[in-house]
């Protein structure tokens, strides 16, 4: 009987490396593939390759060494142009619009589970595997669902809500039932060179200067920095001047460039009037949110009460969901007011441990 063939998306980290090793042990015909998405040598970013990066030249070589150790084929896919167009440019544009983007979602959507799926088909593979901490569960009705990892802290289902439900039966998450310590132990036991490698953290393409410095270097001539007023919410009292709204995100407390007799937070980034609004912590709480760009992995009911995460490490809260007349738009009404419901971030919905889908936050009240 012919072996099932699986393409493993290898980032050069320990999770995807162990995924490849486990699948080979399970009898699959395994092929490794790494996407090189960002040329750090030509970038103005000061990111040090291999230390918290993802898919750099160092990571490519780490992935290659793992594949040689496992004696499996290895391919490198140059995705720099696609990454620039679908991730970097969207990242910069979102901040210029006063939003806070999630580039990891775009990377999953347009590269890992789009571009790599095409390569999976070209190589006649039956499955695509990644090192995400998530699980694919087959229900009694025969349908496949994505569920949370058994490691709550490492669970990465938040970043997977844009997947096509038709693709789920072809996805494998080999480390989704493990914790990080167990994954590293397996890597060490198998002699994989990445068993002590530092996890990728933050944004792989942003250096020590932070996202604002990165954006400034990416700005084109037509997007020259424009100074504008900093106002106190809701009175409108002018507190100072900002040097570019892209440097601020909703809920931010530090680096505001003003002094006040009590803590202030960013409560609105008004790009239309080029105004930064600061308020008190109580001004950050919202009872509602509106979502667009929805994607569903299972059916939902209007008025249903579900758990929602409004950012990656948010513990989740209960919300009622209501479909609006406008196509592909949803209104959330939180059971308890939530802090810093941020435009541009994702709101991801769950029924128990099952990932249902989600969308992008565009407004709140």
Protein backbone atom coordinates (compact mmCIF):
# COMPACT_ATOMS: atom_id res chain seq x y z
CA UNK A 1 0.00 0.00 0.00
CA UNK A 2 1.34 3.42 -1.00
CA UNK A 3 2.38 5.66 1.88
CA UNK A 4 0.44 8.85 2.49
CA UNK A 5 2.57 11.81 1.53
CA UNK A 6 2.79 14.94 3.66
CA UNK A 7 4.40 18.32 3.07
CA UNK A 8 5.74 19.79 6.32
CA UNK A 9 6.05 23.58 6.57
CA UNK A 10 9.40 23.92 8.30
CA UNK A 11 10.30 27.23 9.92
CA UNK A 12 13.65 26.07 11.23
CA UNK A 13 12.25 25.90 14.75
CA UNK A 14 11.80 23.00 17.13
CA UNK A 15 8.02 22.61 16.68
CA UNK A 16 8.01 22.05 12.93
CA UNK A 17 11.19 19.94 13.15
CA UNK A 18 9.61 17.58 15.68
CA UNK A 19 6.45 17.52 13.56
CA UNK A 20 8.45 16.20 10.62
CA UNK A 21 10.18 13.60 12.82
CA UNK A 22 6.92 12.36 14.33
CA UNK A 23 5.24 12.02 10.94
CA UNK A 24 8.15 9.99 9.60
CA UNK A 25 7.92 7.72 12.65
CA UNK A 26 4.22 7.29 11.91
CA UNK A 27 5.00 5.96 8.44
CA UNK A 28 4.28 8.98 6.27
CA UNK A 29 6.29 9.88 3.19
CA UNK A 30 7.56 13.24 4.47
CA UNK A 31 8.75 16.23 2.46
CA UNK A 32 10.12 19.36 4.17
CA UNK A 33 9.67 22.85 2.76
CA UNK A 34 10.80 26.22 4.14
CA UNK A 35 9.52 29.60 3.03
CA UNK A 36 12.21 32.27 2.98
CA UNK A 37 10.11 35.37 3.51
CA UNK A 38 12.48 38.13 4.56
CA UNK A 39 16.05 38.91 3.54
CA UNK A 40 17.58 40.25 6.75
CA UNK A 41 20.86 41.01 5.00
CA UNK A 42 19.17 43.58 2.75
CA UNK A 43 16.71 44.83 5.37
CA UNK A 44 17.21 47.99 7.40
CA UNK A 45 15.92 46.05 10.39
CA UNK A 46 18.52 45.14 13.02
CA UNK A 47 17.00 41.72 13.73
CA UNK A 48 19.72 39.17 14.48
CA UNK A 49 19.00 36.11 12.39
CA UNK A 50 18.23 32.89 14.21
CA UNK A 51 17.30 34.62 17.49
CA UNK A 52 13.54 34.96 17.53
CA UNK A 53 13.33 35.15 13.75
CA UNK A 54 11.27 33.01 11.41
CA UNK A 55 12.30 31.69 8.00
CA UNK A 56 15.53 33.70 7.70
CA UNK A 57 18.63 32.27 6.00
CA UNK A 58 19.80 30.87 9.37
CA UNK A 59 16.40 29.24 9.91
CA UNK A 60 16.52 27.78 6.40
CA UNK A 61 19.85 26.14 7.15
CA UNK A 62 18.53 24.80 10.47
CA UNK A 63 15.56 23.27 8.64
CA UNK A 64 17.88 21.82 6.00
CA UNK A 65 20.04 20.19 8.69
CA UNK A 66 16.96 18.63 10.32
CA UNK A 67 15.81 17.19 6.99
CA UNK A 68 19.25 15.76 6.36
CA UNK A 69 19.17 14.16 9.82
CA UNK A 70 15.73 12.69 9.09
CA UNK A 71 16.77 11.71 5.55
CA UNK A 72 13.80 13.43 3.90
CA UNK A 73 13.63 15.71 0.82
CA UNK A 74 13.93 19.44 1.46
CA UNK A 75 12.87 22.43 -0.62
CA UNK A 76 13.27 26.18 -0.12
CA UNK A 77 10.51 28.41 -1.44
CA UNK A 78 11.39 32.06 -1.98
CA UNK A 79 8.32 33.99 -0.80
CA UNK A 80 9.90 37.41 -0.26
CA UNK A 81 7.81 39.24 -2.89
CA UNK A 82 4.59 37.61 -1.72
CA UNK A 83 5.43 38.29 1.95
CA UNK A 84 6.20 41.94 1.14
CA UNK A 85 2.89 42.40 -0.70
CA UNK A 86 0.57 40.40 1.57
CA UNK A 87 2.14 40.95 4.99
CA UNK A 88 4.61 43.85 5.17
CA UNK A 89 2.67 46.30 2.99
CA UNK A 90 -0.60 45.47 4.78
CA UNK A 91 1.15 45.87 8.12
CA UNK A 92 2.37 49.37 7.26
CA UNK A 93 -0.92 50.40 5.64
CA UNK A 94 -2.93 49.29 8.68
CA UNK A 95 -0.93 51.48 11.05
CA UNK A 96 -1.31 54.42 8.67
CA UNK A 97 -5.07 53.86 8.91
CA UNK A 98 -4.99 53.93 12.70
CA UNK A 99 -5.37 50.15 13.10
CA UNK A 100 -3.27 47.52 14.86
CA UNK A 101 -2.70 44.59 12.45
CA UNK A 102 -1.90 40.94 13.07
CA UNK A 103 0.75 39.98 10.47
CA UNK A 104 0.90 36.36 11.70
CA UNK A 105 -2.71 35.87 10.57
CA UNK A 106 -1.89 37.28 7.13
CA UNK A 107 1.19 35.04 6.91
CA UNK A 108 -0.94 31.98 7.67
CA UNK A 109 -3.71 33.09 5.30
CA UNK A 110 -1.69 34.04 2.24
CA UNK A 111 1.45 31.95 2.57
CA UNK A 112 1.27 28.88 4.82
CA UNK A 113 -2.30 27.87 4.03
CA UNK A 114 -2.48 29.24 0.50
CA UNK A 115 0.89 29.27 -1.22
CA UNK A 116 2.05 26.07 0.51
CA UNK A 117 -1.25 24.36 -0.26
CA UNK A 118 -0.56 24.92 -3.95
CA UNK A 119 2.90 23.40 -3.52
CA UNK A 120 1.33 20.49 -1.62
CA UNK A 121 -0.83 19.77 -4.67
CA UNK A 122 2.06 20.19 -7.12
CA UNK A 123 4.10 17.64 -5.15
CA UNK A 124 1.08 15.30 -5.01
CA UNK A 125 1.00 15.32 -1.22
CA UNK A 126 -2.05 14.16 0.70
CA UNK A 127 -1.53 16.47 3.68
CA UNK A 128 0.04 19.72 4.79
CA UNK A 129 1.53 19.69 8.30
CA UNK A 130 2.71 22.58 10.46
CA UNK A 131 4.12 23.00 13.96
CA UNK A 132 1.10 24.94 15.23
CA UNK A 133 -0.21 24.13 18.68
CA UNK A 134 -3.70 23.13 17.59
CA UNK A 135 -5.67 19.94 16.91
CA UNK A 136 -7.78 18.59 14.07
CA UNK A 137 -10.67 16.53 15.43
CA UNK A 138 -13.00 14.31 13.38
CA UNK A 139 -16.52 14.42 14.80
CA UNK A 140 -19.12 11.64 14.76
CA UNK A 141 -20.82 13.34 11.82
CA UNK A 142 -17.64 12.84 9.78
CA UNK A 143 -16.72 16.53 9.68
CA UNK A 144 -13.30 17.77 10.68
CA UNK A 145 -12.90 20.65 13.11
CA UNK A 146 -10.00 22.63 14.51
CA UNK A 147 -9.81 22.55 18.32
CA UNK A 148 -7.55 24.14 20.88
CA UNK A 149 -4.22 22.61 21.80
CA UNK A 150 -3.96 20.69 25.04
CA UNK A 151 -1.35 23.30 26.07
CA UNK A 152 -3.51 26.36 26.80
CA UNK A 153 -0.58 28.76 26.98
CA UNK A 154 0.89 27.71 23.63
CA UNK A 155 -2.45 27.29 21.84
CA UNK A 156 -2.29 29.00 18.43
CA UNK A 157 -5.81 28.50 17.10
CA UNK A 158 -6.34 32.28 17.36
CA UNK A 159 -4.16 32.64 14.24
CA UNK A 160 -6.01 29.96 12.26
CA UNK A 161 -9.53 31.38 11.97
CA UNK A 162 -9.10 32.34 8.29
CA UNK A 163 -8.62 28.74 7.12
CA UNK A 164 -10.96 27.25 4.55
CA UNK A 165 -13.14 24.54 6.16
CA UNK A 166 -12.58 22.39 3.05
CA UNK A 167 -8.85 22.34 3.79
CA UNK A 168 -9.10 21.10 7.40
CA UNK A 169 -9.23 17.34 6.56
CA UNK A 170 -5.87 17.78 4.79
CA UNK A 171 -4.09 19.49 7.69
CA UNK A 172 -1.99 17.82 10.38
CA UNK A 173 -0.79 19.39 13.64
CA UNK A 174 1.56 16.73 15.05
CA UNK A 175 2.56 18.61 18.24
CA UNK A 176 -0.93 19.89 19.06
CA UNK A 177 -1.40 17.42 21.92
CA UNK A 178 1.98 18.15 23.55
CA UNK A 179 3.52 20.84 25.72
CA UNK A 180 6.73 22.64 24.78
CA UNK A 181 8.91 20.72 27.22
CA UNK A 182 7.83 17.41 25.69
CA UNK A 183 8.54 18.72 22.18
CA UNK A 184 12.06 19.77 23.14
CA UNK A 185 12.68 16.41 24.81
CA UNK A 186 11.72 14.60 21.60
CA UNK A 187 13.98 16.86 19.55
CA UNK A 188 16.93 16.20 21.86
CA UNK A 189 16.32 12.45 21.90
CA UNK A 190 16.30 12.37 18.11
CA UNK A 191 19.46 14.43 17.88
CA UNK A 192 17.87 17.40 16.13
CA UNK A 193 20.15 20.43 16.23
CA UNK A 194 17.27 22.80 17.11
CA UNK A 195 16.24 21.25 20.42
CA UNK A 196 17.48 24.27 22.41
CA UNK A 197 16.66 26.91 19.81
CA UNK A 198 14.90 30.01 21.07
CA UNK A 199 11.23 30.35 20.15
CA UNK A 200 10.31 32.99 17.59
CA UNK A 201 8.89 35.95 19.48
CA UNK A 202 7.18 39.16 18.48
CA UNK A 203 7.27 40.17 14.83
CA UNK A 204 9.99 38.37 12.90
CA UNK A 205 10.80 41.37 10.70
CA UNK A 206 10.83 44.14 13.34
CA UNK A 207 14.09 44.97 15.11
CA UNK A 208 14.95 46.50 18.46
CA UNK A 209 13.70 49.91 17.33
CA UNK A 210 10.14 48.60 17.45
CA UNK A 211 7.33 48.65 14.95
CA UNK A 212 7.21 52.46 14.69
CA UNK A 213 10.85 52.67 13.63
CA UNK A 214 10.30 49.86 11.11
CA UNK A 215 7.28 51.63 9.60
CA UNK A 216 9.14 54.93 9.36
CA UNK A 217 11.82 53.23 7.27
CA UNK A 218 9.18 51.66 5.02
CA UNK A 219 7.22 54.87 4.37
CA UNK A 220 7.14 56.19 0.84
CA UNK A 221 7.40 59.83 -0.19
CA UNK A 222 3.62 60.29 -0.38
CA UNK A 223 3.30 59.17 3.24
CA UNK A 224 5.58 61.71 4.85
CA UNK A 225 5.15 62.03 8.60
CA UNK A 226 2.51 64.59 9.52
CA UNK A 227 2.46 66.17 12.95
CA UNK A 228 -0.87 66.80 14.62
CA UNK A 229 -2.59 67.57 17.92
CA UNK A 230 -2.82 65.34 20.97
CA UNK A 231 -6.15 65.95 22.70
CA UNK A 232 -7.71 64.92 25.99
CA UNK A 233 -10.88 62.81 25.73
CA UNK A 234 -13.66 63.90 25.78
CA UNK A 235 -13.03 67.61 26.45
CA UNK A 236 -10.79 68.19 23.43
CA UNK A 237 -8.17 70.06 25.43
CA UNK A 238 -4.88 70.11 23.51
CA UNK A 239 -2.11 68.35 25.45
CA UNK A 240 0.67 68.46 22.88
CA UNK A 241 1.74 67.45 19.38
CA UNK A 242 2.38 63.99 17.95
CA UNK A 243 4.94 63.20 15.25
CA UNK A 244 2.97 60.61 13.28
CA UNK A 245 -0.12 58.64 14.27
CA UNK A 246 1.45 55.36 13.12
CA UNK A 247 3.52 55.41 16.33
CA UNK A 248 0.46 54.84 18.51
CA UNK A 249 -1.94 52.00 19.10
CA UNK A 250 -5.19 51.78 21.03
CA UNK A 251 -4.63 51.20 24.75
CA UNK A 252 -0.99 52.36 24.67
CA UNK A 253 0.20 53.98 27.90
CA UNK A 254 3.94 54.60 27.52
CA UNK A 255 5.76 56.85 25.06
CA UNK A 256 2.83 59.25 24.57
CA UNK A 257 4.98 62.38 24.60
CA UNK A 258 2.90 64.31 27.15
CA UNK A 259 2.96 64.78 30.89
CA UNK A 260 -0.18 64.62 33.01
CA UNK A 261 -1.09 64.33 36.68
CA UNK A 262 -2.43 60.75 36.21
CA UNK A 263 -1.92 57.87 33.75
CA UNK A 264 -3.25 58.42 30.25
CA UNK A 265 -3.97 55.92 27.46
CA UNK A 266 -4.57 56.09 23.73
CA UNK A 267 -8.36 55.92 23.35
CA UNK A 268 -8.65 56.90 19.68
CA UNK A 269 -6.39 57.26 16.66
CA UNK A 270 -8.27 59.68 14.40
CA UNK A 271 -6.54 59.50 11.00
CA UNK A 272 -9.24 61.61 9.30
CA UNK A 273 -8.37 64.62 11.44
CA UNK A 274 -4.78 63.55 12.19
CA UNK A 275 -5.55 63.67 15.92
CA UNK A 276 -4.42 61.47 18.79
CA UNK A 277 -6.93 61.20 21.63
CA UNK A 278 -5.81 60.31 25.15
CA UNK A 279 -8.08 59.38 28.02
CA UNK A 280 -8.22 57.50 31.27
CA UNK A 281 -8.25 53.74 31.77
CA UNK A 282 -12.03 53.70 32.21
CA UNK A 283 -12.37 55.05 28.65
CA UNK A 284 -10.83 51.86 27.26
CA UNK A 285 -13.72 49.58 28.22
CA UNK A 286 -16.30 48.55 25.64
CA UNK A 287 -19.48 46.50 25.73
CA UNK A 288 -19.75 45.99 21.98
CA UNK A 289 -17.65 45.38 18.89
CA UNK A 290 -18.29 45.11 15.17
CA UNK A 291 -16.51 42.60 12.95
CA UNK A 292 -15.94 42.44 9.19
CA UNK A 293 -14.06 40.04 6.92
CA UNK A 294 -15.68 37.06 8.60
CA UNK A 295 -14.64 33.47 8.02
CA UNK A 296 -16.50 30.48 9.47
CA UNK A 297 -15.26 26.93 10.00
CA UNK A 298 -18.67 25.78 11.28
CA UNK A 299 -22.21 27.10 11.45
CA UNK A 300 -23.23 29.71 14.02
CA UNK A 301 -26.66 30.90 15.15
CA UNK A 302 -27.82 34.48 15.34
CA UNK A 303 -28.02 35.45 19.00
CA UNK A 304 -25.80 32.57 20.15
CA UNK A 305 -23.65 32.96 23.28
CA UNK A 306 -20.04 32.06 22.56
CA UNK A 307 -16.54 32.58 23.91
CA UNK A 308 -14.44 35.17 22.09
CA UNK A 309 -10.76 36.12 22.21
CA UNK A 310 -10.06 39.71 21.19
CA UNK A 311 -6.26 39.24 21.11
CA UNK A 312 -3.85 36.31 21.23
CA UNK A 313 -3.23 36.10 25.00
CA UNK A 314 -6.73 37.24 25.95
CA UNK A 315 -8.25 34.57 28.20
CA UNK A 316 -11.56 34.88 26.38
CA UNK A 317 -14.94 36.22 27.46
CA UNK A 318 -18.59 35.42 26.87
CA UNK A 319 -20.34 37.33 24.12
CA UNK A 320 -23.63 37.28 22.24
CA UNK A 321 -23.29 37.38 18.46
CA UNK A 322 -25.72 39.09 16.09
CA UNK A 323 -25.62 39.04 12.32
CA UNK A 324 -26.06 42.50 10.82
CA UNK A 325 -27.87 43.37 7.59
CA UNK A 326 -24.63 44.37 5.92
CA UNK A 327 -23.03 41.31 4.30
CA UNK A 328 -20.31 39.52 6.22
CA UNK A 329 -20.66 41.73 9.29
CA UNK A 330 -21.19 40.66 12.89
CA UNK A 331 -21.97 42.53 16.09
CA UNK A 332 -20.60 41.33 19.42
CA UNK A 333 -22.22 42.23 22.73
CA UNK A 334 -19.92 41.28 25.60
CA UNK A 335 -21.34 39.87 28.81
CA UNK A 336 -18.82 42.07 30.64
CA UNK A 337 -17.15 45.19 29.27
CA UNK A 338 -13.74 44.43 27.77
CA UNK A 339 -10.59 46.54 27.88
CA UNK A 340 -8.85 47.72 24.71
CA UNK A 341 -11.00 46.20 21.98
CA UNK A 342 -8.59 47.25 19.26
CA UNK A 343 -9.46 48.05 15.60
CA UNK A 344 -7.44 45.86 13.25
CA UNK A 345 -7.09 43.01 15.72
CA UNK A 346 -9.02 39.77 15.30
CA UNK A 347 -11.96 38.61 17.37
CA UNK A 348 -11.96 34.81 17.28
CA UNK A 349 -14.93 32.75 18.41
CA UNK A 350 -15.09 29.36 20.11
CA UNK A 351 -17.74 26.83 21.07
CA UNK A 352 -16.03 25.00 23.91
CA UNK A 353 -12.60 24.04 22.54
CA UNK A 354 -13.78 24.21 18.93
CA UNK A 355 -12.55 27.06 16.75
CA UNK A 356 -15.56 28.50 14.90
CA UNK A 357 -14.02 31.42 13.00
CA UNK A 358 -13.82 35.15 13.44
CA UNK A 359 -13.20 38.48 11.82
CA UNK A 360 -11.43 41.82 12.03
CA UNK A 361 -12.50 44.43 14.59
CA UNK A 362 -13.47 47.70 12.89
CA UNK A 363 -15.41 49.55 15.59
CA UNK A 364 -16.51 49.36 19.20
CA UNK A 365 -18.66 51.28 21.66
